[in-house]
C-alpha atoms as a PDB file:
ATOM      1  CA  UNK A   1      38.790  46.598 113.090  1.00  0.00           C
ATOM      2  CA  UNK A   2      37.777  43.684 115.578  1.00  0.00           C
ATOM      3  CA  UNK A   3      34.247  45.187 115.825  1.00  0.00           C
ATOM      4  CA  UNK A   4      33.883  45.228 112.056  1.00  0.00           C
ATOM      5  CA  UNK A   5      34.948  41.683 111.832  1.00  0.00           C
ATOM      6  CA  UNK A   6      32.521  40.321 114.424  1.00  0.00           C
ATOM      7  CA  UNK A   7      30.111  37.747 113.131  1.00  0.00           C
ATOM      8  CA  UNK A   8      27.088  39.824 113.911  1.00  0.00           C
ATOM      9  CA  UNK A   9      28.463  43.026 112.344  1.00  0.00           C
ATOM     10  CA  UNK A  10      29.556  41.021 109.160  1.00  0.00           C
ATOM     11  CA  UNK A  11      25.898  39.687 108.775  1.00  0.00           C
ATOM     12  CA  UNK A  12      24.350  43.203 109.363  1.00  0.00           C
ATOM     13  CA  UNK A  13      26.772  44.816 106.859  1.00  0.00           C
ATOM     14  CA  UNK A  14      26.558  42.187 104.187  1.00  0.00           C
ATOM     15  CA  UNK A  15      24.878  43.029 100.841  1.00  0.00           C
ATOM     16  CA  UNK A  16      21.137  42.310 100.396  1.00  0.00           C
ATOM     17  CA  UNK A  17      21.784  39.163  98.343  1.00  0.00           C
ATOM     18  CA  UNK A  18      24.157  37.739 100.779  1.00  0.00           C
ATOM     19  CA  UNK A  19      21.843  38.364 103.715  1.00  0.00           C
ATOM     20  CA  UNK A  20      19.063  36.765 101.761  1.00  0.00           C
ATOM     21  CA  UNK A  21      21.268  33.663 101.202  1.00  0.00           C
ATOM     22  CA  UNK A  22      22.149  33.637 104.999  1.00  0.00           C
ATOM     23  CA  UNK A  23      18.436  33.808 105.844  1.00  0.00           C
ATOM     24  CA  UNK A  24      17.412  30.891 103.551  1.00  0.00           C
ATOM     25  CA  UNK A  25      20.156  28.776 105.028  1.00  0.00           C
ATOM     26  CA  UNK A  26      19.238  29.600 108.553  1.00  0.00           C
ATOM     27  CA  UNK A  27      15.679  28.666 107.832  1.00  0.00           C
ATOM     28  CA  UNK A  28      16.752  25.459 106.098  1.00  0.00           C
ATOM     29  CA  UNK A  29      18.978  24.605 109.062  1.00  0.00           C
ATOM     30  CA  UNK A  30      15.989  25.326 111.582  1.00  0.00           C
ATOM     31  CA  UNK A  31      13.733  23.199 109.625  1.00  0.00           C
ATOM     32  CA  UNK A  32      16.233  20.399 109.224  1.00  0.00           C
ATOM     33  CA  UNK A  33      16.601  20.242 112.972  1.00  0.00           C
ATOM     34  CA  UNK A  34      12.818  20.197 113.459  1.00  0.00           C
ATOM     35  CA  UNK A  35      12.764  17.196 111.087  1.00  0.00           C
ATOM     36  CA  UNK A  36      15.738  15.515 112.851  1.00  0.00           C
ATOM     37  CA  UNK A  37      14.096  15.584 116.257  1.00  0.00           C
ATOM     38  CA  UNK A  38      10.683  14.412 114.762  1.00  0.00           C
ATOM     39  CA  UNK A  39      12.410  11.446 112.774  1.00  0.00           C
ATOM     40  CA  UNK A  40      14.334  10.562 115.958  1.00  0.00           C
ATOM     41  CA  UNK A  41      11.197  10.331 117.933  1.00  0.00           C
ATOM     42  CA  UNK A  42       9.439   8.082 115.232  1.00  0.00           C
ATOM     43  CA  UNK A  43      12.253   5.777 114.546  1.00  0.00           C
ATOM     44  CA  UNK A  44      13.043   5.262 118.302  1.00  0.00           C
ATOM     45  CA  UNK A  45       9.422   4.541 118.827  1.00  0.00           C
ATOM     46  CA  UNK A  46       9.397   2.001 115.997  1.00  0.00           C
ATOM     47  CA  UNK A  47      12.440   0.296 117.222  1.00  0.00           C
ATOM     48  CA  UNK A  48      10.967  -0.042 120.830  1.00  0.00           C
ATOM     49  CA  UNK A  49       7.536  -1.109 119.587  1.00  0.00           C
ATOM     50  CA  UNK A  50       9.013  -3.866 117.264  1.00  0.00           C
ATOM     51  CA  UNK A  51      11.084  -5.453 120.104  1.00  0.00           C
ATOM     52  CA  UNK A  52       8.066  -5.339 122.321  1.00  0.00           C
ATOM     53  CA  UNK A  53       5.629  -6.881 119.735  1.00  0.00           C
ATOM     54  CA  UNK A  54       8.191  -9.522 118.601  1.00  0.00           C
ATOM     55  CA  UNK A  55       8.485 -10.625 122.403  1.00  0.00           C
ATOM     56  CA  UNK A  56       4.581 -10.936 122.566  1.00  0.00           C
ATOM     57  CA  UNK A  57       4.364 -12.690 119.165  1.00  0.00           C
ATOM     58  CA  UNK A  58       6.994 -15.380 120.009  1.00  0.00           C
ATOM     59  CA  UNK A  59       5.921 -15.915 123.548  1.00  0.00           C
ATOM     60  CA  UNK A  60       3.579 -18.665 122.467  1.00  0.00           C
ATOM     61  CA  UNK A  61       0.392 -16.635 122.841  1.00  0.00           C
ATOM     62  CA  UNK A  62      -2.598 -17.729 120.582  1.00  0.00           C
ATOM     63  CA  UNK A  63      -2.693 -15.793 117.357  1.00  0.00           C
ATOM     64  CA  UNK A  64      -6.501 -15.159 117.705  1.00  0.00           C
ATOM     65  CA  UNK A  65      -6.185 -13.856 121.161  1.00  0.00           C
ATOM     66  CA  UNK A  66      -3.044 -11.725 120.279  1.00  0.00           C
ATOM     67  CA  UNK A  67      -5.076 -10.230 117.293  1.00  0.00           C
ATOM     68  CA  UNK A  68      -8.039  -9.277 119.655  1.00  0.00           C
ATOM     69  CA  UNK A  69      -5.530  -7.696 122.077  1.00  0.00           C
ATOM     70  CA  UNK A  70      -3.827  -5.629 119.472  1.00  0.00           C
ATOM     71  CA  UNK A  71      -7.069  -4.591 117.815  1.00  0.00           C
ATOM     72  CA  UNK A  72      -8.366  -3.358 121.136  1.00  0.00           C
ATOM     73  CA  UNK A  73      -5.206  -1.275 121.921  1.00  0.00           C
ATOM     74  CA  UNK A  74      -3.367  -0.674 118.555  1.00  0.00           C
ATOM     75  CA  UNK A  75       0.099   0.671 118.699  1.00  0.00           C
ATOM     76  CA  UNK A  76       0.548   3.069 115.618  1.00  0.00           C
ATOM     77  CA  UNK A  77       4.378   2.906 116.146  1.00  0.00           C
ATOM     78  CA  UNK A  78       4.503  -0.846 115.728  1.00  0.00           C
ATOM     79  CA  UNK A  79       5.161  -1.711 112.171  1.00  0.00           C
ATOM     80  CA  UNK A  80       5.272  -5.523 112.905  1.00  0.00           C
ATOM     81  CA  UNK A  81       1.877  -5.189 114.619  1.00  0.00           C
ATOM     82  CA  UNK A  82       0.427  -3.476 111.693  1.00  0.00           C
ATOM     83  CA  UNK A  83       1.777  -6.247 109.357  1.00  0.00           C
ATOM     84  CA  UNK A  84       0.396  -8.882 111.739  1.00  0.00           C
ATOM     85  CA  UNK A  85      -3.048  -7.318 111.840  1.00  0.00           C
ATOM     86  CA  UNK A  86      -3.343  -6.842 108.163  1.00  0.00           C
ATOM     87  CA  UNK A  87      -2.200 -10.384 107.435  1.00  0.00           C
ATOM     88  CA  UNK A  88      -4.259 -12.091 109.916  1.00  0.00           C
ATOM     89  CA  UNK A  89      -7.398 -10.166 109.031  1.00  0.00           C
ATOM     90  CA  UNK A  90      -7.013 -11.085 105.412  1.00  0.00           C
ATOM     91  CA  UNK A  91      -6.326 -14.705 106.243  1.00  0.00           C
ATOM     92  CA  UNK A  92      -9.486 -14.954 108.526  1.00  0.00           C
ATOM     93  CA  UNK A  93     -11.624 -13.251 105.741  1.00  0.00           C
ATOM     94  CA  UNK A  94     -10.407 -15.600 103.054  1.00  0.00           C
ATOM     95  CA  UNK A  95     -10.518 -18.884 105.086  1.00  0.00           C
ATOM     96  CA  UNK A  96     -14.076 -18.152 106.032  1.00  0.00           C
ATOM     97  CA  UNK A  97     -15.002 -18.705 102.396  1.00  0.00           C
ATOM     98  CA  UNK A  98     -15.983 -22.344 101.608  1.00  0.00           C
ATOM     99  CA  UNK A  99     -14.278 -22.319  98.224  1.00  0.00           C
ATOM    100  CA  UNK A 100     -11.098 -20.816  99.529  1.00  0.00           C
ATOM    101  CA  UNK A 101      -7.863 -22.300  97.842  1.00  0.00           C
ATOM    102  CA  UNK A 102      -4.854 -22.348 100.018  1.00  0.00           C
ATOM    103  CA  UNK A 103      -2.624 -20.615  97.436  1.00  0.00           C
ATOM    104  CA  UNK A 104      -5.300 -17.996  96.847  1.00  0.00           C
ATOM    105  CA  UNK A 105      -5.516 -17.434 100.673  1.00  0.00           C
ATOM    106  CA  UNK A 106      -1.732 -17.012 101.020  1.00  0.00           C
ATOM    107  CA  UNK A 107      -1.604 -14.630  97.968  1.00  0.00           C
ATOM    108  CA  UNK A 108      -4.208 -12.410  99.688  1.00  0.00           C
ATOM    109  CA  UNK A 109      -2.319 -12.459 102.921  1.00  0.00           C
ATOM    110  CA  UNK A 110       0.904 -11.675 101.207  1.00  0.00           C
ATOM    111  CA  UNK A 111      -0.668  -8.922  99.326  1.00  0.00           C
ATOM    112  CA  UNK A 112      -2.247  -7.485 102.399  1.00  0.00           C
ATOM    113  CA  UNK A 113       1.218  -7.353 104.289  1.00  0.00           C
ATOM    114  CA  UNK A 114       2.971  -5.812 101.176  1.00  0.00           C
ATOM    115  CA  UNK A 115       0.455  -2.841 101.362  1.00  0.00           C
ATOM    116  CA  UNK A 116       1.010  -2.614 105.179  1.00  0.00           C
ATOM    117  CA  UNK A 117       4.774  -2.732 104.518  1.00  0.00           C
ATOM    118  CA  UNK A 118       4.569   0.060 101.973  1.00  0.00           C
ATOM    119  CA  UNK A 119       2.812   2.283 104.419  1.00  0.00           C
ATOM    120  CA  UNK A 120       5.497   1.552 107.057  1.00  0.00           C
ATOM    121  CA  UNK A 121       8.205   2.419 104.536  1.00  0.00           C
ATOM    122  CA  UNK A 122       6.412   5.709 103.830  1.00  0.00           C
ATOM    123  CA  UNK A 123       6.187   6.528 107.436  1.00  0.00           C
ATOM    124  CA  UNK A 124       9.713   5.621 108.366  1.00  0.00           C
ATOM    125  CA  UNK A 125      11.246   7.523 105.498  1.00  0.00           C
ATOM    126  CA  UNK A 126       8.930  10.518 105.555  1.00  0.00           C
ATOM    127  CA  UNK A 127      10.912  13.938 105.379  1.00  0.00           C
ATOM    128  CA  UNK A 128      14.297  12.145 104.822  1.00  0.00           C
ATOM    129  CA  UNK A 129      14.500  13.557 101.293  1.00  0.00           C
ATOM    130  CA  UNK A 130      14.280  16.990 102.711  1.00  0.00           C
ATOM    131  CA  UNK A 131      17.345  16.304 104.804  1.00  0.00           C
ATOM    132  CA  UNK A 132      19.209  14.994 101.697  1.00  0.00           C
ATOM    133  CA  UNK A 133      18.210  18.101  99.896  1.00  0.00           C
ATOM    134  CA  UNK A 134      19.468  20.455 102.543  1.00  0.00           C
ATOM    135  CA  UNK A 135      22.694  18.487 103.022  1.00  0.00           C
ATOM    136  CA  UNK A 136      23.409  18.449  99.368  1.00  0.00           C
ATOM    137  CA  UNK A 137      22.422  22.074  98.342  1.00  0.00           C
ATOM    138  CA  UNK A 138      23.396  24.147 101.379  1.00  0.00           C
ATOM    139  CA  UNK A 139      27.129  24.247 100.708  1.00  0.00           C
ATOM    140  CA  UNK A 140      26.454  25.374  97.103  1.00  0.00           C
ATOM    141  CA  UNK A 141      23.927  28.111  98.258  1.00  0.00           C
ATOM    142  CA  UNK A 142      26.479  29.365 100.643  1.00  0.00           C
ATOM    143  CA  UNK A 143      29.067  29.301  98.068  1.00  0.00           C
ATOM    144  CA  UNK A 144      26.905  31.333  95.899  1.00  0.00           C
ATOM    145  CA  UNK A 145      26.571  33.910  98.645  1.00  0.00           C
ATOM    146  CA  UNK A 146      30.418  33.966  99.058  1.00  0.00           C
ATOM    147  CA  UNK A 147      30.927  34.438  95.449  1.00  0.00           C
ATOM    148  CA  UNK A 148      28.519  37.243  95.263  1.00  0.00           C
ATOM    149  CA  UNK A 149      30.110  38.869  98.303  1.00  0.00           C
ATOM    150  CA  UNK A 150      33.531  38.572  97.022  1.00  0.00           C
ATOM    151  CA  UNK A 151      32.460  40.120  93.699  1.00  0.00           C
ATOM    152  CA  UNK A 152      30.929  43.138  95.634  1.00  0.00           C
ATOM    153  CA  UNK A 153      34.128  43.429  97.584  1.00  0.00           C
ATOM    154  CA  UNK A 154      36.363  43.520  94.539  1.00  0.00           C
ATOM    155  CA  UNK A 155      33.895  46.107  92.873  1.00  0.00           C
ATOM    156  CA  UNK A 156      34.334  48.247  95.869  1.00  0.00           C
ATOM    157  CA  UNK A 157      38.122  48.405  95.340  1.00  0.00           C
ATOM    158  CA  UNK A 158      37.477  50.305  92.065  1.00  0.00           C
ATOM    159  CA  UNK A 159      36.581  53.403  94.252  1.00  0.00           C
ATOM    160  CA  UNK A 160      39.673  52.990  96.446  1.00  0.00           C
ATOM    161  CA  UNK A 161      43.014  54.458  95.294  1.00  0.00           C
ATOM    162  CA  UNK A 162      45.239  52.136  97.304  1.00  0.00           C
ATOM    163  CA  UNK A 163      43.913  48.591  98.037  1.00  0.00           C
ATOM    164  CA  UNK A 164      44.886  47.392 101.429  1.00  0.00           C
ATOM    165  CA  UNK A 165      44.035  44.277 103.530  1.00  0.00           C
ATOM    166  CA  UNK A 166      41.930  46.572 105.689  1.00  0.00           C
ATOM    167  CA  UNK A 167      39.808  47.619 103.035  1.00  0.00           C
ATOM    168  CA  UNK A 168      39.103  44.378 101.503  1.00  0.00           C
ATOM    169  CA  UNK A 169      39.011  42.164 104.624  1.00  0.00           C
ATOM    170  CA  UNK A 170      35.370  42.993 105.751  1.00  0.00           C
ATOM    171  CA  UNK A 171      33.943  42.348 102.239  1.00  0.00           C
ATOM    172  CA  UNK A 172      35.622  38.969 101.986  1.00  0.00           C
ATOM    173  CA  UNK A 173      34.879  38.004 105.624  1.00  0.00           C
ATOM    174  CA  UNK A 174      31.078  38.775 105.289  1.00  0.00           C
ATOM    175  CA  UNK A 175      31.085  36.700 102.043  1.00  0.00           C
ATOM    176  CA  UNK A 176      32.890  33.774 103.758  1.00  0.00           C
ATOM    177  CA  UNK A 177      30.186  33.926 106.560  1.00  0.00           C
ATOM    178  CA  UNK A 178      27.646  32.582 103.949  1.00  0.00           C
ATOM    179  CA  UNK A 179      29.728  29.569 103.188  1.00  0.00           C
ATOM    180  CA  UNK A 180      30.146  28.827 107.003  1.00  0.00           C
ATOM    181  CA  UNK A 181      26.429  29.092 107.495  1.00  0.00           C
ATOM    182  CA  UNK A 182      25.980  26.725 104.463  1.00  0.00           C
ATOM    183  CA  UNK A 183      28.185  24.095 106.075  1.00  0.00           C
ATOM    184  CA  UNK A 184      26.459  24.675 109.412  1.00  0.00           C
ATOM    185  CA  UNK A 185      23.173  23.747 107.755  1.00  0.00           C
ATOM    186  CA  UNK A 186      24.561  20.977 105.677  1.00  0.00           C
ATOM    187  CA  UNK A 187      26.542  18.894 108.110  1.00  0.00           C
ATOM    188  CA  UNK A 188      23.928  17.933 110.621  1.00  0.00           C
ATOM    189  CA  UNK A 189      21.533  17.231 107.820  1.00  0.00           C
ATOM    190  CA  UNK A 190      23.993  14.864 106.011  1.00  0.00           C
ATOM    191  CA  UNK A 191      24.689  13.022 109.264  1.00  0.00           C
ATOM    192  CA  UNK A 192      21.111  12.633 110.364  1.00  0.00           C
ATOM    193  CA  UNK A 193      19.965  11.510 106.888  1.00  0.00           C
ATOM    194  CA  UNK A 194      22.530   8.898 106.725  1.00  0.00           C
ATOM    195  CA  UNK A 195      21.663   7.707 110.306  1.00  0.00           C
ATOM    196  CA  UNK A 196      18.135   7.665 109.924  1.00  0.00           C
ATOM    197  CA  UNK A 197      18.253   5.991 106.482  1.00  0.00           C
ATOM    198  CA  UNK A 198      20.332   3.267 107.956  1.00  0.00           C
ATOM    199  CA  UNK A 199      17.945   2.706 110.903  1.00  0.00           C
ATOM    200  CA  UNK A 200      14.911   2.742 108.809  1.00  0.00           C
ATOM    201  CA  UNK A 201      16.336   0.205 106.334  1.00  0.00           C
ATOM    202  CA  UNK A 202      17.271  -2.102 109.270  1.00  0.00           C
ATOM    203  CA  UNK A 203      13.708  -1.741 110.590  1.00  0.00           C
ATOM    204  CA  UNK A 204      12.279  -2.573 107.146  1.00  0.00           C
ATOM    205  CA  UNK A 205      14.496  -5.580 106.936  1.00  0.00           C
ATOM    206  CA  UNK A 206      13.186  -6.670 110.355  1.00  0.00           C
ATOM    207  CA  UNK A 207       9.667  -6.249 109.180  1.00  0.00           C
ATOM    208  CA  UNK A 208      10.249  -8.318 106.097  1.00  0.00           C
ATOM    209  CA  UNK A 209      11.766 -11.070 108.146  1.00  0.00           C
ATOM    210  CA  UNK A 210       8.821 -11.040 110.501  1.00  0.00           C
ATOM    211  CA  UNK A 211       6.439 -11.059 107.486  1.00  0.00           C
ATOM    212  CA  UNK A 212       8.262 -14.146 106.052  1.00  0.00           C
ATOM    213  CA  UNK A 213       7.962 -15.944 109.404  1.00  0.00           C
ATOM    214  CA  UNK A 214       4.354 -15.070 109.926  1.00  0.00           C
ATOM    215  CA  UNK A 215       3.485 -16.220 106.298  1.00  0.00           C
ATOM    216  CA  UNK A 216       5.054 -19.609 107.057  1.00  0.00           C
ATOM    217  CA  UNK A 217       3.032 -19.979 110.180  1.00  0.00           C
ATOM    218  CA  UNK A 218      -0.088 -19.081 108.144  1.00  0.00           C
ATOM    219  CA  UNK A 219       0.985 -21.347 105.380  1.00  0.00           C
ATOM    220  CA  UNK A 220       1.204 -24.303 107.553  1.00  0.00           C
ATOM    221  CA  UNK A 221      -2.104 -23.433 109.226  1.00  0.00           C
ATOM    222  CA  UNK A 222      -4.039 -23.182 105.882  1.00  0.00           C
ATOM    223  CA  UNK A 223      -2.601 -26.333 104.584  1.00  0.00           C
ATOM    224  CA  UNK A 224      -3.510 -28.261 107.715  1.00  0.00           C
ATOM    225  CA  UNK A 225      -7.269 -27.327 107.374  1.00  0.00           C
END
């Protein structure tokens, strides 16, 4: 009885539909863990790069010199650096025009930084919808496998003259394994999604603050010309 109710034997003895549900859930769980480790690397790198660039920016270094340094060795993980490069590049291009209006210059700078901000948002939040999908649908997919398995278990009772716990327990147990695998796939995905969403939103808020402060510096500079 114990051997029949072991997890591995329950999986092997499950019906084809229940086995297919388990396979889909295990595949979703594996892919979600791949995304979790990849997102963790991206967001951790972005947090570290932001702190490093912010220290360099506010150290009092000349903006032109800083621009040349980050252009020579760009850091793809640094969202603030990408905003800085986009904004200063557009600022330099527009101020070189003899008929440049200060308001036109600042509008161009802010537009360039908004484009850079959108790219950073896409990079930070990439694949997060997949984690949300796995977290929200896996329990229901597992529940479908459980319902199907229980249906098969009760259908099998039609061929049994006397229904006992021993006759129905294996069928119900293998059905419940599908729900357990669904929860196993869903819980890490939900936790990771919430954590990474909060971290990415915090980073984007820091980027917006930096963009505003950088715009103020350029605003004073263009009106001092």
